[in-house]
Amino acid sequence: MQNDPTLDPKYLGKISSDFVKVSEYLKEASYLIRKKGFSEYPVFPVSKEDVPIGQLLYEKGKLENEWNYYASFMEEFAQRQLIAEEAKFKEAYKDPDEYCCLFIVDREFTNFLFIPFPED
């Protein structure tokens, strides 16, 4: 579970440019998920189509974004058997104050992606 080095830079660019539009809100959601004790491992599923993972936070088009953003966490992924080993997930997970853990669901790519929050 890490950034895929074979991911096409143009594709990563599309995700990154869209992420910037919602990153401030996702950072706040990540903080609240952790502060309220839901999980220490927030995950944000991202897809252009509806996905049955997490709760919809930002529908595509609401913030001039091209993707839907959902809020979830590691425990839901483990319950749905989308991750095999929680220990490995925790080991690979990056600091949630600095990085956003996205779970990209698309025809070209389905995987976890850690993307740094923009500097203030």
PDB file of N, CA and C in Angstrom:
ATOM      1  N   MET A   1       0.836  -1.170   0.000  1.00  0.00           N
ATOM      2  CA  MET A   1       0.000   0.000   0.000  1.00  0.00           C
ATOM      3  C   MET A   1       0.880   1.232   0.000  1.00  0.00           C
ATOM      4  N   GLN A   2       1.088   1.779  -1.141  1.00  0.00           N
ATOM      5  CA  GLN A   2       1.878   2.993  -1.251  1.00  0.00           C
ATOM      6  C   GLN A   2       1.605   3.624  -2.598  1.00  0.00           C
ATOM      7  N   ASN A   3       2.199   4.763  -2.821  1.00  0.00           N
ATOM      8  CA  ASN A   3       2.026   5.391  -4.109  1.00  0.00           C
ATOM      9  C   ASN A   3       2.605   4.486  -5.186  1.00  0.00           C
ATOM     10  N   ASP A   4       1.858   4.277  -6.236  1.00  0.00           N
ATOM     11  CA  ASP A   4       2.257   3.376  -7.303  1.00  0.00           C
ATOM     12  C   ASP A   4       3.236   4.083  -8.233  1.00  0.00           C
ATOM     13  N   PRO A   5       4.487   3.629  -8.309  1.00  0.00           N
ATOM     14  CA  PRO A   5       5.468   4.299  -9.155  1.00  0.00           C
ATOM     15  C   PRO A   5       5.134   4.179 -10.637  1.00  0.00           C
ATOM     16  N   THR A   6       4.260   3.255 -11.001  1.00  0.00           N
ATOM     17  CA  THR A   6       3.899   3.102 -12.407  1.00  0.00           C
ATOM     18  C   THR A   6       2.695   3.963 -12.777  1.00  0.00           C
ATOM     19  N   LEU A   7       2.164   4.713 -11.826  1.00  0.00           N
ATOM     20  CA  LEU A   7       1.011   5.562 -12.103  1.00  0.00           C
ATOM     21  C   LEU A   7       1.405   6.650 -13.087  1.00  0.00           C
ATOM     22  N   ASP A   8       0.660   6.767 -14.158  1.00  0.00           N
ATOM     23  CA  ASP A   8       0.895   7.762 -15.191  1.00  0.00           C
ATOM     24  C   ASP A   8       0.891   9.163 -14.567  1.00  0.00           C
ATOM     25  N   PRO A   9       1.946   9.953 -14.778  1.00  0.00           N
ATOM     26  CA  PRO A   9       2.006  11.302 -14.195  1.00  0.00           C
ATOM     27  C   PRO A   9       0.833  12.191 -14.611  1.00  0.00           C
ATOM     28  N   LYS A  10       0.318  12.023 -15.818  1.00  0.00           N
ATOM     29  CA  LYS A  10      -0.839  12.822 -16.247  1.00  0.00           C
ATOM     30  C   LYS A  10      -2.062  12.478 -15.394  1.00  0.00           C
ATOM     31  N   TYR A  11      -2.218  11.204 -15.101  1.00  0.00           N
ATOM     32  CA  TYR A  11      -3.335  10.743 -14.279  1.00  0.00           C
ATOM     33  C   TYR A  11      -3.180  11.275 -12.857  1.00  0.00           C
ATOM     34  N   LEU A  12      -1.988  11.182 -12.316  1.00  0.00           N
ATOM     35  CA  LEU A  12      -1.723  11.718 -10.988  1.00  0.00           C
ATOM     36  C   LEU A  12      -1.977  13.227 -10.977  1.00  0.00           C
ATOM     37  N   GLY A  13      -1.621  13.900 -12.048  1.00  0.00           N
ATOM     38  CA  GLY A  13      -1.862  15.342 -12.165  1.00  0.00           C
ATOM     39  C   GLY A  13      -3.347  15.679 -12.115  1.00  0.00           C
ATOM     40  N   LYS A  14      -4.176  14.851 -12.776  1.00  0.00           N
ATOM     41  CA  LYS A  14      -5.627  15.081 -12.750  1.00  0.00           C
ATOM     42  C   LYS A  14      -6.156  14.938 -11.330  1.00  0.00           C
ATOM     43  N   ILE A  15      -5.698  13.921 -10.635  1.00  0.00           N
ATOM     44  CA  ILE A  15      -6.146  13.699  -9.256  1.00  0.00           C
ATOM     45  C   ILE A  15      -5.662  14.835  -8.367  1.00  0.00           C
ATOM     46  N   SER A  16      -4.401  15.217  -8.507  1.00  0.00           N
ATOM     47  CA  SER A  16      -3.815  16.265  -7.672  1.00  0.00           C
ATOM     48  C   SER A  16      -4.509  17.602  -7.877  1.00  0.00           C
ATOM     49  N   SER A  17      -4.779  17.961  -9.126  1.00  0.00           N
ATOM     50  CA  SER A  17      -5.416  19.259  -9.391  1.00  0.00           C
ATOM     51  C   SER A  17      -6.835  19.294  -8.838  1.00  0.00           C
ATOM     52  N   ASP A  18      -7.514  18.170  -8.819  1.00  0.00           N
ATOM     53  CA  ASP A  18      -8.853  18.114  -8.241  1.00  0.00           C
ATOM     54  C   ASP A  18      -8.773  18.119  -6.708  1.00  0.00           C
ATOM     55  N   PHE A  19      -7.802  17.401  -6.168  1.00  0.00           N
ATOM     56  CA  PHE A  19      -7.619  17.301  -4.723  1.00  0.00           C
ATOM     57  C   PHE A  19      -7.408  18.683  -4.088  1.00  0.00           C
ATOM     58  N   VAL A  20      -6.655  19.551  -4.764  1.00  0.00           N
ATOM     59  CA  VAL A  20      -6.372  20.882  -4.236  1.00  0.00           C
ATOM     60  C   VAL A  20      -7.664  21.640  -3.939  1.00  0.00           C
ATOM     61  N   LYS A  21      -8.699  21.410  -4.721  1.00  0.00           N
ATOM     62  CA  LYS A  21      -9.979  22.126  -4.550  1.00  0.00           C
ATOM     63  C   LYS A  21     -10.698  21.726  -3.266  1.00  0.00           C
ATOM     64  N   VAL A  22     -10.446  20.526  -2.769  1.00  0.00           N
ATOM     65  CA  VAL A  22     -11.163  20.027  -1.586  1.00  0.00           C
ATOM     66  C   VAL A  22     -10.229  19.710  -0.418  1.00  0.00           C
ATOM     67  N   SER A  23      -8.935  19.910  -0.596  1.00  0.00           N
ATOM     68  CA  SER A  23      -7.960  19.475   0.410  1.00  0.00           C
ATOM     69  C   SER A  23      -8.187  20.098   1.780  1.00  0.00           C
ATOM     70  N   GLU A  24      -8.543  21.354   1.822  1.00  0.00           N
ATOM     71  CA  GLU A  24      -8.779  22.025   3.106  1.00  0.00           C
ATOM     72  C   GLU A  24      -9.915  21.338   3.872  1.00  0.00           C
ATOM     73  N   TYR A  25     -10.960  20.959   3.146  1.00  0.00           N
ATOM     74  CA  TYR A  25     -12.115  20.294   3.761  1.00  0.00           C
ATOM     75  C   TYR A  25     -11.774  18.865   4.194  1.00  0.00           C
ATOM     76  N   LEU A  26     -10.977  18.184   3.393  1.00  0.00           N
ATOM     77  CA  LEU A  26     -10.573  16.821   3.746  1.00  0.00           C
ATOM     78  C   LEU A  26      -9.643  16.817   4.953  1.00  0.00           C
ATOM     79  N   LYS A  27      -8.792  17.833   5.050  1.00  0.00           N
ATOM     80  CA  LYS A  27      -7.900  17.927   6.205  1.00  0.00           C
ATOM     81  C   LYS A  27      -8.725  18.113   7.483  1.00  0.00           C
ATOM     82  N   GLU A  28      -9.739  18.941   7.406  1.00  0.00           N
ATOM     83  CA  GLU A  28     -10.627  19.152   8.552  1.00  0.00           C
ATOM     84  C   GLU A  28     -11.387  17.871   8.884  1.00  0.00           C
ATOM     85  N   ALA A  29     -11.882  17.175   7.863  1.00  0.00           N
ATOM     86  CA  ALA A  29     -12.610  15.915   8.083  1.00  0.00           C
ATOM     87  C   ALA A  29     -11.690  14.879   8.720  1.00  0.00           C
ATOM     88  N   SER A  30     -10.444  14.816   8.270  1.00  0.00           N
ATOM     89  CA  SER A  30      -9.468  13.884   8.835  1.00  0.00           C
ATOM     90  C   SER A  30      -9.266  14.185  10.320  1.00  0.00           C
ATOM     91  N   TYR A  31      -9.109  15.452  10.638  1.00  0.00           N
ATOM     92  CA  TYR A  31      -8.926  15.866  12.028  1.00  0.00           C
ATOM     93  C   TYR A  31     -10.133  15.454  12.875  1.00  0.00           C
ATOM     94  N   LEU A  32     -11.338  15.702  12.366  1.00  0.00           N
ATOM     95  CA  LEU A  32     -12.553  15.380  13.121  1.00  0.00           C
ATOM     96  C   LEU A  32     -12.740  13.876  13.305  1.00  0.00           C
ATOM     97  N   ILE A  33     -12.423  13.095  12.296  1.00  0.00           N
ATOM     98  CA  ILE A  33     -12.518  11.627  12.408  1.00  0.00           C
ATOM     99  C   ILE A  33     -11.616  11.145  13.539  1.00  0.00           C
ATOM    100  N   ARG A  34     -10.423  11.710  13.616  1.00  0.00           N
ATOM    101  CA  ARG A  34      -9.482  11.312  14.662  1.00  0.00           C
ATOM    102  C   ARG A  34      -9.882  11.881  16.024  1.00  0.00           C
ATOM    103  N   LYS A  35     -10.268  13.152  16.060  1.00  0.00           N
ATOM    104  CA  LYS A  35     -10.613  13.799  17.335  1.00  0.00           C
ATOM    105  C   LYS A  35     -11.834  13.157  17.988  1.00  0.00           C
ATOM    106  N   LYS A  36     -12.825  12.783  17.178  1.00  0.00           N
ATOM    107  CA  LYS A  36     -14.058  12.198  17.721  1.00  0.00           C
ATOM    108  C   LYS A  36     -13.907  10.713  18.021  1.00  0.00           C
ATOM    109  N   GLY A  37     -12.733  10.156  17.753  1.00  0.00           N
ATOM    110  CA  GLY A  37     -12.445   8.780  18.127  1.00  0.00           C
ATOM    111  C   GLY A  37     -12.967   7.713  17.184  1.00  0.00           C
ATOM    112  N   PHE A  38     -13.350   8.090  15.974  1.00  0.00           N
ATOM    113  CA  PHE A  38     -13.801   7.081  15.012  1.00  0.00           C
ATOM    114  C   PHE A  38     -12.649   6.194  14.574  1.00  0.00           C
ATOM    115  N   SER A  39     -11.493   6.826  14.301  1.00  0.00           N
ATOM    116  CA  SER A  39     -10.328   6.072  13.842  1.00  0.00           C
ATOM    117  C   SER A  39      -9.111   6.982  13.829  1.00  0.00           C
ATOM    118  N   GLU A  40      -7.955   6.377  13.979  1.00  0.00           N
ATOM    119  CA  GLU A  40      -6.704   7.109  13.814  1.00  0.00           C
ATOM    120  C   GLU A  40      -6.226   7.044  12.361  1.00  0.00           C
ATOM    121  N   TYR A  41      -7.008   6.341  11.514  1.00  0.00           N
ATOM    122  CA  TYR A  41      -6.597   6.102  10.126  1.00  0.00           C
ATOM    123  C   TYR A  41      -7.710   6.479   9.149  1.00  0.00           C
ATOM    124  N   PRO A  42      -7.949   7.794   8.961  1.00  0.00           N
ATOM    125  CA  PRO A  42      -8.967   8.211   7.990  1.00  0.00           C
ATOM    126  C   PRO A  42      -8.559   7.836   6.567  1.00  0.00           C
ATOM    127  N   VAL A  43      -9.545   7.451   5.779  1.00  0.00           N
ATOM    128  CA  VAL A  43      -9.338   7.128   4.362  1.00  0.00           C
ATOM    129  C   VAL A  43     -10.454   7.827   3.589  1.00  0.00           C
ATOM    130  N   PHE A  44     -10.100   8.428   2.466  1.00  0.00           N
ATOM    131  CA  PHE A  44     -11.078   9.144   1.659  1.00  0.00           C
ATOM    132  C   PHE A  44     -11.201   8.495   0.282  1.00  0.00           C
ATOM    133  N   PRO A  45     -12.232   7.652   0.104  1.00  0.00           N
ATOM    134  CA  PRO A  45     -12.482   7.088  -1.227  1.00  0.00           C
ATOM    135  C   PRO A  45     -12.825   8.203  -2.212  1.00  0.00           C
ATOM    136  N   VAL A  46     -12.297   8.095  -3.419  1.00  0.00           N
ATOM    137  CA  VAL A  46     -12.485   9.094  -4.463  1.00  0.00           C
ATOM    138  C   VAL A  46     -12.877   8.366  -5.737  1.00  0.00           C
ATOM    139  N   SER A  47     -13.969   8.819  -6.358  1.00  0.00           N
ATOM    140  CA  SER A  47     -14.439   8.152  -7.559  1.00  0.00           C
ATOM    141  C   SER A  47     -15.304   9.101  -8.375  1.00  0.00           C
ATOM    142  N   LYS A  48     -15.365   8.855  -9.662  1.00  0.00           N
ATOM    143  CA  LYS A  48     -16.266   9.645 -10.513  1.00  0.00           C
ATOM    144  C   LYS A  48     -17.669   9.052 -10.498  1.00  0.00           C
ATOM    145  N   GLU A  49     -17.776   7.795 -10.111  1.00  0.00           N
ATOM    146  CA  GLU A  49     -19.067   7.111  -9.989  1.00  0.00           C
ATOM    147  C   GLU A  49     -19.369   6.927  -8.506  1.00  0.00           C
ATOM    148  N   ASP A  50     -20.612   6.595  -8.185  1.00  0.00           N
ATOM    149  CA  ASP A  50     -20.964   6.308  -6.793  1.00  0.00           C
ATOM    150  C   ASP A  50     -20.264   5.033  -6.343  1.00  0.00           C
ATOM    151  N   VAL A  51     -19.766   5.043  -5.104  1.00  0.00           N
ATOM    152  CA  VAL A  51     -19.156   3.849  -4.519  1.00  0.00           C
ATOM    153  C   VAL A  51     -19.797   3.588  -3.158  1.00  0.00           C
ATOM    154  N   PRO A  52     -19.900   2.326  -2.769  1.00  0.00           N
ATOM    155  CA  PRO A  52     -20.557   1.985  -1.506  1.00  0.00           C
ATOM    156  C   PRO A  52     -19.605   1.965  -0.305  1.00  0.00           C
ATOM    157  N   ILE A  53     -18.614   2.828  -0.321  1.00  0.00           N
ATOM    158  CA  ILE A  53     -17.631   2.856   0.767  1.00  0.00           C
ATOM    159  C   ILE A  53     -17.678   4.238   1.406  1.00  0.00           C
ATOM    160  N   GLY A  54     -17.889   4.282   2.708  1.00  0.00           N
ATOM    161  CA  GLY A  54     -17.882   5.544   3.421  1.00  0.00           C
ATOM    162  C   GLY A  54     -19.134   6.366   3.182  1.00  0.00           C
ATOM    163  N   GLN A  55     -19.048   7.619   3.609  1.00  0.00           N
ATOM    164  CA  GLN A  55     -20.145   8.568   3.468  1.00  0.00           C
ATOM    165  C   GLN A  55     -19.725   9.671   2.506  1.00  0.00           C
ATOM    166  N   LEU A  56     -20.618  10.034   1.605  1.00  0.00           N
ATOM    167  CA  LEU A  56     -20.316  11.079   0.633  1.00  0.00           C
ATOM    168  C   LEU A  56     -20.092  12.405   1.350  1.00  0.00           C
ATOM    169  N   LEU A  57     -18.946  13.016   1.102  1.00  0.00           N
ATOM    170  CA  LEU A  57     -18.634  14.331   1.662  1.00  0.00           C
ATOM    171  C   LEU A  57     -18.875  15.425   0.639  1.00  0.00           C
ATOM    172  N   TYR A  58     -18.265  15.257  -0.539  1.00  0.00           N
ATOM    173  CA  TYR A  58     -18.337  16.279  -1.571  1.00  0.00           C
ATOM    174  C   TYR A  58     -18.632  15.625  -2.907  1.00  0.00           C
ATOM    175  N   GLU A  59     -19.810  15.913  -3.404  1.00  0.00           N
ATOM    176  CA  GLU A  59     -20.227  15.392  -4.702  1.00  0.00           C
ATOM    177  C   GLU A  59     -19.492  16.147  -5.804  1.00  0.00           C
ATOM    178  N   LYS A  60     -19.166  15.444  -6.888  1.00  0.00           N
ATOM    179  CA  LYS A  60     -18.468  16.108  -7.982  1.00  0.00           C
ATOM    180  C   LYS A  60     -19.295  17.297  -8.467  1.00  0.00           C
ATOM    181  N   GLY A  61     -18.595  18.394  -8.740  1.00  0.00           N
ATOM    182  CA  GLY A  61     -19.236  19.613  -9.200  1.00  0.00           C
ATOM    183  C   GLY A  61     -19.581  20.608  -8.110  1.00  0.00           C
ATOM    184  N   LYS A  62     -19.660  20.171  -6.866  1.00  0.00           N
ATOM    185  CA  LYS A  62     -20.045  21.078  -5.769  1.00  0.00           C
ATOM    186  C   LYS A  62     -18.987  22.140  -5.491  1.00  0.00           C
ATOM    187  N   LEU A  63     -17.730  21.772  -5.594  1.00  0.00           N
ATOM    188  CA  LEU A  63     -16.622  22.700  -5.340  1.00  0.00           C
ATOM    189  C   LEU A  63     -15.761  22.826  -6.591  1.00  0.00           C
ATOM    190  N   GLU A  64     -16.398  22.724  -7.744  1.00  0.00           N
ATOM    191  CA  GLU A  64     -15.712  22.704  -9.035  1.00  0.00           C
ATOM    192  C   GLU A  64     -14.778  21.502  -9.144  1.00  0.00           C
ATOM    193  N   ASN A  65     -15.093  20.439  -8.391  1.00  0.00           N
ATOM    194  CA  ASN A  65     -14.306  19.213  -8.404  1.00  0.00           C
ATOM    195  C   ASN A  65     -14.884  18.231  -9.411  1.00  0.00           C
ATOM    196  N   GLU A  66     -14.031  17.375  -9.946  1.00  0.00           N
ATOM    197  CA  GLU A  66     -14.438  16.388 -10.947  1.00  0.00           C
ATOM    198  C   GLU A  66     -14.696  15.012 -10.346  1.00  0.00           C
ATOM    199  N   TRP A  67     -14.378  14.824  -9.062  1.00  0.00           N
ATOM    200  CA  TRP A  67     -14.493  13.533  -8.402  1.00  0.00           C
ATOM    201  C   TRP A  67     -15.427  13.653  -7.204  1.00  0.00           C
ATOM    202  N   ASN A  68     -16.036  12.539  -6.831  1.00  0.00           N
ATOM    203  CA  ASN A  68     -16.778  12.441  -5.578  1.00  0.00           C
ATOM    204  C   ASN A  68     -15.782  12.080  -4.482  1.00  0.00           C
ATOM    205  N   TYR A  69     -15.941  12.687  -3.320  1.00  0.00           N
ATOM    206  CA  TYR A  69     -15.065  12.404  -2.174  1.00  0.00           C
ATOM    207  C   TYR A  69     -15.916  11.866  -1.027  1.00  0.00           C
ATOM    208  N   TYR A  70     -15.495  10.746  -0.496  1.00  0.00           N
ATOM    209  CA  TYR A  70     -16.192  10.079   0.604  1.00  0.00           C
ATOM    210  C   TYR A  70     -15.284  10.057   1.829  1.00  0.00           C
ATOM    211  N   ALA A  71     -15.884   9.916   3.004  1.00  0.00           N
ATOM    212  CA  ALA A  71     -15.116   9.788   4.247  1.00  0.00           C
ATOM    213  C   ALA A  71     -15.280   8.373   4.785  1.00  0.00           C
ATOM    214  N   SER A  72     -14.168   7.766   5.148  1.00  0.00           N
ATOM    215  CA  SER A  72     -14.176   6.430   5.720  1.00  0.00           C
ATOM    216  C   SER A  72     -12.950   6.302   6.611  1.00  0.00           C
ATOM    217  N   PHE A  73     -12.631   5.067   6.990  1.00  0.00           N
ATOM    218  CA  PHE A  73     -11.453   4.820   7.811  1.00  0.00           C
ATOM    219  C   PHE A  73     -11.044   3.369   7.682  1.00  0.00           C
ATOM    220  N   MET A  74      -9.840   3.098   8.150  1.00  0.00           N
ATOM    221  CA  MET A  74      -9.229   1.777   7.984  1.00  0.00           C
ATOM    222  C   MET A  74     -10.157   0.647   8.425  1.00  0.00           C
ATOM    223  N   GLU A  75     -10.828   0.814   9.541  1.00  0.00           N
ATOM    224  CA  GLU A  75     -11.650  -0.264  10.085  1.00  0.00           C
ATOM    225  C   GLU A  75     -12.764  -0.685   9.121  1.00  0.00           C
ATOM    226  N   GLU A  76     -13.351   0.263   8.391  1.00  0.00           N
ATOM    227  CA  GLU A  76     -14.368  -0.100   7.397  1.00  0.00           C
ATOM    228  C   GLU A  76     -13.733  -0.907   6.264  1.00  0.00           C
ATOM    229  N   PHE A  77     -12.542  -0.530   5.847  1.00  0.00           N
ATOM    230  CA  PHE A  77     -11.848  -1.265   4.788  1.00  0.00           C
ATOM    231  C   PHE A  77     -11.517  -2.683   5.239  1.00  0.00           C
ATOM    232  N   ALA A  78     -11.124  -2.833   6.506  1.00  0.00           N
ATOM    233  CA  ALA A  78     -10.836  -4.167   7.041  1.00  0.00           C
ATOM    234  C   ALA A  78     -12.113  -4.993   7.128  1.00  0.00           C
ATOM    235  N   GLN A  79     -13.196  -4.382   7.597  1.00  0.00           N
ATOM    236  CA  GLN A  79     -14.480  -5.083   7.717  1.00  0.00           C
ATOM    237  C   GLN A  79     -14.974  -5.563   6.351  1.00  0.00           C
ATOM    238  N   ARG A  80     -14.773  -4.763   5.331  1.00  0.00           N
ATOM    239  CA  ARG A  80     -15.203  -5.111   3.975  1.00  0.00           C
ATOM    240  C   ARG A  80     -14.174  -5.984   3.251  1.00  0.00           C
ATOM    241  N   GLN A  81     -13.107  -6.318   3.950  1.00  0.00           N
ATOM    242  CA  GLN A  81     -12.018  -7.143   3.424  1.00  0.00           C
ATOM    243  C   GLN A  81     -11.343  -6.515   2.201  1.00  0.00           C
ATOM    244  N   LEU A  82     -11.230  -5.187   2.232  1.00  0.00           N
ATOM    245  CA  LEU A  82     -10.529  -4.465   1.174  1.00  0.00           C
ATOM    246  C   LEU A  82      -9.047  -4.303   1.505  1.00  0.00           C
ATOM    247  N   ILE A  83      -8.707  -4.527   2.765  1.00  0.00           N
ATOM    248  CA  ILE A  83      -7.306  -4.632   3.168  1.00  0.00           C
ATOM    249  C   ILE A  83      -7.152  -5.957   3.898  1.00  0.00           C
ATOM    250  N   ALA A  84      -6.044  -6.609   3.632  1.00  0.00           N
ATOM    251  CA  ALA A  84      -5.832  -7.944   4.196  1.00  0.00           C
ATOM    252  C   ALA A  84      -5.302  -7.890   5.624  1.00  0.00           C
ATOM    253  N   GLU A  85      -4.361  -6.991   5.868  1.00  0.00           N
ATOM    254  CA  GLU A  85      -3.725  -6.958   7.176  1.00  0.00           C
ATOM    255  C   GLU A  85      -3.678  -5.532   7.713  1.00  0.00           C
ATOM    256  N   GLU A  86      -4.357  -5.311   8.827  1.00  0.00           N
ATOM    257  CA  GLU A  86      -4.372  -3.987   9.433  1.00  0.00           C
ATOM    258  C   GLU A  86      -2.975  -3.538   9.840  1.00  0.00           C
ATOM    259  N   ALA A  87      -2.157  -4.458  10.328  1.00  0.00           N
ATOM    260  CA  ALA A  87      -0.807  -4.089  10.783  1.00  0.00           C
ATOM    261  C   ALA A  87       0.018  -3.506   9.634  1.00  0.00           C
ATOM    262  N   LYS A  88      -0.060  -4.112   8.457  1.00  0.00           N
ATOM    263  CA  LYS A  88       0.679  -3.600   7.300  1.00  0.00           C
ATOM    264  C   LYS A  88       0.131  -2.242   6.872  1.00  0.00           C
ATOM    265  N   PHE A  89      -1.187  -2.091   6.926  1.00  0.00           N
ATOM    266  CA  PHE A  89      -1.814  -0.821   6.576  1.00  0.00           C
ATOM    267  C   PHE A  89      -1.303   0.276   7.514  1.00  0.00           C
ATOM    268  N   LYS A  90      -1.317  -0.005   8.818  1.00  0.00           N
ATOM    269  CA  LYS A  90      -0.865   0.974   9.811  1.00  0.00           C
ATOM    270  C   LYS A  90       0.605   1.332   9.595  1.00  0.00           C
ATOM    271  N   GLU A  91       1.401   0.345   9.244  1.00  0.00           N
ATOM    272  CA  GLU A  91       2.826   0.567   9.015  1.00  0.00           C
ATOM    273  C   GLU A  91       3.060   1.489   7.816  1.00  0.00           C
ATOM    274  N   ALA A  92       2.268   1.333   6.774  1.00  0.00           N
ATOM    275  CA  ALA A  92       2.431   2.122   5.555  1.00  0.00           C
ATOM    276  C   ALA A  92       1.734   3.485   5.634  1.00  0.00           C
ATOM    277  N   TYR A  93       0.817   3.623   6.575  1.00  0.00           N
ATOM    278  CA  TYR A  93       0.025   4.849   6.685  1.00  0.00           C
ATOM    279  C   TYR A  93       0.921   6.033   7.039  1.00  0.00           C
ATOM    280  N   LYS A  94       0.708   7.144   6.350  1.00  0.00           N
ATOM    281  CA  LYS A  94       1.530   8.340   6.585  1.00  0.00           C
ATOM    282  C   LYS A  94       0.811   9.300   7.526  1.00  0.00           C
ATOM    283  N   ASP A  95       1.577  10.193   8.132  1.00  0.00           N
ATOM    284  CA  ASP A  95       1.065  11.170   9.098  1.00  0.00           C
ATOM    285  C   ASP A  95      -0.178  11.883   8.555  1.00  0.00           C
ATOM    286  N   PRO A  96      -1.360  11.680   9.193  1.00  0.00           N
ATOM    287  CA  PRO A  96      -2.602  12.264   8.673  1.00  0.00           C
ATOM    288  C   PRO A  96      -2.686  13.779   8.819  1.00  0.00           C
ATOM    289  N   ASP A  97      -1.765  14.400   9.546  1.00  0.00           N
ATOM    290  CA  ASP A  97      -1.724  15.858   9.584  1.00  0.00           C
ATOM    291  C   ASP A  97      -1.006  16.419   8.363  1.00  0.00           C
ATOM    292  N   GLU A  98      -0.199  15.593   7.714  1.00  0.00           N
ATOM    293  CA  GLU A  98       0.568  16.032   6.558  1.00  0.00           C
ATOM    294  C   GLU A  98       0.099  15.426   5.236  1.00  0.00           C
ATOM    295  N   TYR A  99      -0.462  14.199   5.307  1.00  0.00           N
ATOM    296  CA  TYR A  99      -0.866  13.486   4.090  1.00  0.00           C
ATOM    297  C   TYR A  99      -2.331  13.069   4.165  1.00  0.00           C
ATOM    298  N   CYS A 100      -2.963  13.053   3.012  1.00  0.00           N
ATOM    299  CA  CYS A 100      -4.330  12.553   2.901  1.00  0.00           C
ATOM    300  C   CYS A 100      -4.263  11.168   2.268  1.00  0.00           C
ATOM    301  N   CYS A 101      -4.921  10.210   2.896  1.00  0.00           N
ATOM    302  CA  CYS A 101      -4.981   8.862   2.348  1.00  0.00           C
ATOM    303  C   CYS A 101      -6.221   8.757   1.467  1.00  0.00           C
ATOM    304  N   LEU A 102      -6.006   8.744   0.166  1.00  0.00           N
ATOM    305  CA  LEU A 102      -7.096   8.598  -0.794  1.00  0.00           C
ATOM    306  C   LEU A 102      -7.171   7.143  -1.239  1.00  0.00           C
ATOM    307  N   PHE A 103      -8.371   6.679  -1.480  1.00  0.00           N
ATOM    308  CA  PHE A 103      -8.559   5.376  -2.102  1.00  0.00           C
ATOM    309  C   PHE A 103      -9.224   5.659  -3.437  1.00  0.00           C
ATOM    310  N   ILE A 104      -8.428   5.626  -4.494  1.00  0.00           N
ATOM    311  CA  ILE A 104      -8.895   5.972  -5.831  1.00  0.00           C
ATOM    312  C   ILE A 104      -9.613   4.774  -6.441  1.00  0.00           C
ATOM    313  N   VAL A 105     -10.831   4.993  -6.895  1.00  0.00           N
ATOM    314  CA  VAL A 105     -11.612   3.955  -7.558  1.00  0.00           C
ATOM    315  C   VAL A 105     -11.935   4.469  -8.962  1.00  0.00           C
ATOM    316  N   ASP A 106     -11.226   3.919  -9.938  1.00  0.00           N
ATOM    317  CA  ASP A 106     -11.413   4.352 -11.316  1.00  0.00           C
ATOM    318  C   ASP A 106     -11.080   3.176 -12.225  1.00  0.00           C
ATOM    319  N   ARG A 107     -11.462   3.270 -13.471  1.00  0.00           N
ATOM    320  CA  ARG A 107     -11.171   2.177 -14.407  1.00  0.00           C
ATOM    321  C   ARG A 107      -9.670   1.997 -14.608  1.00  0.00           C
ATOM    322  N   GLU A 108      -8.924   3.098 -14.604  1.00  0.00           N
ATOM    323  CA  GLU A 108      -7.486   3.032 -14.863  1.00  0.00           C
ATOM    324  C   GLU A 108      -6.677   2.641 -13.628  1.00  0.00           C
ATOM    325  N   PHE A 109      -7.229   2.888 -12.446  1.00  0.00           N
ATOM    326  CA  PHE A 109      -6.417   2.775 -11.243  1.00  0.00           C
ATOM    327  C   PHE A 109      -7.338   2.586 -10.038  1.00  0.00           C
ATOM    328  N   THR A 110      -7.069   1.582  -9.233  1.00  0.00           N
ATOM    329  CA  THR A 110      -7.776   1.394  -7.969  1.00  0.00           C
ATOM    330  C   THR A 110      -6.730   1.028  -6.932  1.00  0.00           C
ATOM    331  N   ASN A 111      -6.466   1.985  -6.038  1.00  0.00           N
ATOM    332  CA  ASN A 111      -5.441   1.751  -5.032  1.00  0.00           C
ATOM    333  C   ASN A 111      -5.428   2.903  -4.043  1.00  0.00           C
ATOM    334  N   PHE A 112      -4.691   2.714  -2.971  1.00  0.00           N
ATOM    335  CA  PHE A 112      -4.482   3.780  -2.005  1.00  0.00           C
ATOM    336  C   PHE A 112      -3.407   4.724  -2.564  1.00  0.00           C
ATOM    337  N   LEU A 113      -3.571   5.993  -2.249  1.00  0.00           N
ATOM    338  CA  LEU A 113      -2.618   7.004  -2.702  1.00  0.00           C
ATOM    339  C   LEU A 113      -2.486   8.025  -1.583  1.00  0.00           C
ATOM    340  N   PHE A 114      -1.275   8.266  -1.131  1.00  0.00           N
ATOM    341  CA  PHE A 114      -1.025   9.284  -0.119  1.00  0.00           C
ATOM    342  C   PHE A 114      -0.593  10.554  -0.840  1.00  0.00           C
ATOM    343  N   ILE A 115      -1.311  11.634  -0.576  1.00  0.00           N
ATOM    344  CA  ILE A 115      -1.012  12.885  -1.247  1.00  0.00           C
ATOM    345  C   ILE A 115      -0.838  13.960  -0.169  1.00  0.00           C
ATOM    346  N   PRO A 116       0.226  14.736  -0.241  1.00  0.00           N
ATOM    347  CA  PRO A 116       0.433  15.732   0.810  1.00  0.00           C
ATOM    348  C   PRO A 116      -0.601  16.853   0.743  1.00  0.00           C
ATOM    349  N   PHE A 117      -1.020  17.289   1.922  1.00  0.00           N
ATOM    350  CA  PHE A 117      -1.896  18.447   1.974  1.00  0.00           C
ATOM    351  C   PHE A 117      -1.074  19.658   1.547  1.00  0.00           C
ATOM    352  N   PRO A 118      -1.671  20.587   0.798  1.00  0.00           N
ATOM    353  CA  PRO A 118      -0.931  21.794   0.418  1.00  0.00           C
ATOM    354  C   PRO A 118      -0.518  22.588   1.655  1.00  0.00           C
ATOM    355  N   GLU A 119       0.624  23.241   1.553  1.00  0.00           N
ATOM    356  CA  GLU A 119       1.096  24.096   2.645  1.00  0.00           C
ATOM    357  C   GLU A 119       0.166  25.296   2.755  1.00  0.00           C
ATOM    358  N   ASP A 120      -0.034  25.771   3.980  1.00  0.00           N
ATOM    359  CA  ASP A 120      -0.899  26.940   4.179  1.00  0.00           C
ATOM    360  C   ASP A 120      -0.281  28.194   3.619  1.00  0.00           C
TER     361      ASP A 120
END
